[in-house]
Amino acid sequence: MSDYKLVPTDLPSRRRGGVYVDMITDFSKMKQTCVRVDYKATPSSIYSGLTAALKRRPELADISVARRGDEIYLAKKGASV
């Protein structure tokens, strides 16, 4: 008898952008002009992930990412952060 098991399944589709794209997309639908991002990653990882996601989504150019100390914010253009 083997030490492993092979389980039949379908291959999941690949998600492009992941959680950071989801954050930006969700924020774009909100009425708020500025939000603080609360996520279980280091501030540097969150900032770079959001920045990279925005570069891949030119249609969301009206959103920016700001870092103030260890806090990360998403803001719509015209909002002061």
Protein backbone atom coordinates (compact mmCIF):
# COMPACT_ATOMS: atom_id res chain seq x y z
CA MET A 1 0.00 0.00 0.00
CA SER A 2 1.23 3.55 -0.83
CA ASP A 3 1.96 6.38 1.57
CA TYR A 4 0.13 8.88 -0.64
CA LYS A 5 -3.23 9.44 -2.22
CA LEU A 6 -4.11 10.91 -5.63
CA VAL A 7 -7.41 12.79 -5.53
CA PRO A 8 -9.26 13.59 -8.78
CA THR A 9 -10.10 17.30 -9.06
CA ASP A 10 -10.32 20.21 -11.49
CA LEU A 11 -7.46 22.68 -11.72
CA PRO A 12 -8.51 25.99 -10.08
CA SER A 13 -8.35 29.06 -12.28
CA ARG A 14 -5.40 31.36 -11.76
CA ARG A 15 -6.15 34.67 -10.02
CA ARG A 16 -4.29 37.63 -11.40
CA GLY A 17 -3.44 40.23 -8.78
CA GLY A 18 -4.94 38.53 -5.79
CA VAL A 19 -5.97 40.29 -2.63
CA TYR A 20 -4.40 43.66 -3.45
CA VAL A 21 -6.39 44.02 -6.67
CA ASP A 22 -9.49 43.01 -4.70
CA MET A 23 -8.78 45.74 -2.12
CA ILE A 24 -8.40 48.41 -4.80
CA THR A 25 -11.47 47.26 -6.72
CA ASP A 26 -13.58 47.23 -3.56
CA PHE A 27 -12.32 50.67 -2.57
CA SER A 28 -13.12 52.09 -6.01
CA LYS A 29 -16.77 51.11 -5.45
CA MET A 30 -16.95 52.81 -2.03
CA LYS A 31 -18.18 56.36 -1.46
CA GLN A 32 -15.33 57.10 0.98
CA THR A 33 -12.45 59.13 -0.45
CA CYS A 34 -9.82 57.68 1.90
CA VAL A 35 -9.46 54.44 3.86
CA ARG A 36 -6.78 52.87 6.05
CA VAL A 37 -5.81 49.36 4.95
CA ASP A 38 -5.91 46.79 7.74
CA TYR A 39 -4.34 43.52 6.55
CA LYS A 40 -2.21 40.80 8.10
CA ALA A 41 1.03 41.65 6.30
CA THR A 42 3.91 44.01 6.93
CA PRO A 43 3.36 47.64 5.93
CA SER A 44 6.09 47.33 3.29
CA SER A 45 4.42 44.29 1.73
CA ILE A 46 1.01 45.95 1.70
CA TYR A 47 2.39 49.15 0.17
CA SER A 48 4.35 47.36 -2.56
CA GLY A 49 1.47 44.96 -3.29
CA LEU A 50 -1.03 47.80 -3.68
CA THR A 51 1.40 49.87 -5.76
CA ALA A 52 2.05 46.95 -8.11
CA ALA A 53 -1.67 46.20 -8.37
CA LEU A 54 -2.39 49.81 -9.34
CA LYS A 55 0.25 49.67 -12.09
CA ARG A 56 -1.54 46.63 -13.56
CA ARG A 57 -4.92 48.43 -13.43
CA PRO A 58 -4.61 51.71 -15.40
CA GLU A 59 -8.40 52.11 -15.30
CA LEU A 60 -8.03 52.81 -11.55
CA ALA A 61 -5.56 55.67 -12.02
CA ASP A 62 -7.72 57.91 -9.83
CA ILE A 63 -6.64 55.90 -6.75
CA SER A 64 -3.34 56.34 -4.94
CA VAL A 65 -1.52 54.55 -2.13
CA ALA A 66 0.07 56.45 0.75
CA ARG A 67 2.19 55.35 3.67
CA ARG A 68 2.33 57.28 6.93
CA GLY A 69 4.57 55.49 9.39
CA ASP A 70 3.27 51.94 9.66
CA GLU A 71 -0.17 52.83 8.28
CA ILE A 72 -1.16 52.31 4.63
CA TYR A 73 -3.96 54.30 3.02
CA LEU A 74 -5.90 54.18 -0.22
CA ALA A 75 -7.13 57.54 -1.42
CA LYS A 76 -9.07 58.79 -4.39
CA LYS A 77 -7.49 61.71 -6.24
CA GLY A 78 -8.40 64.97 -4.61
CA ALA A 79 -8.43 63.51 -1.08
CA SER A 80 -5.66 64.72 1.20
CA VAL A 81 -3.72 62.02 3.01
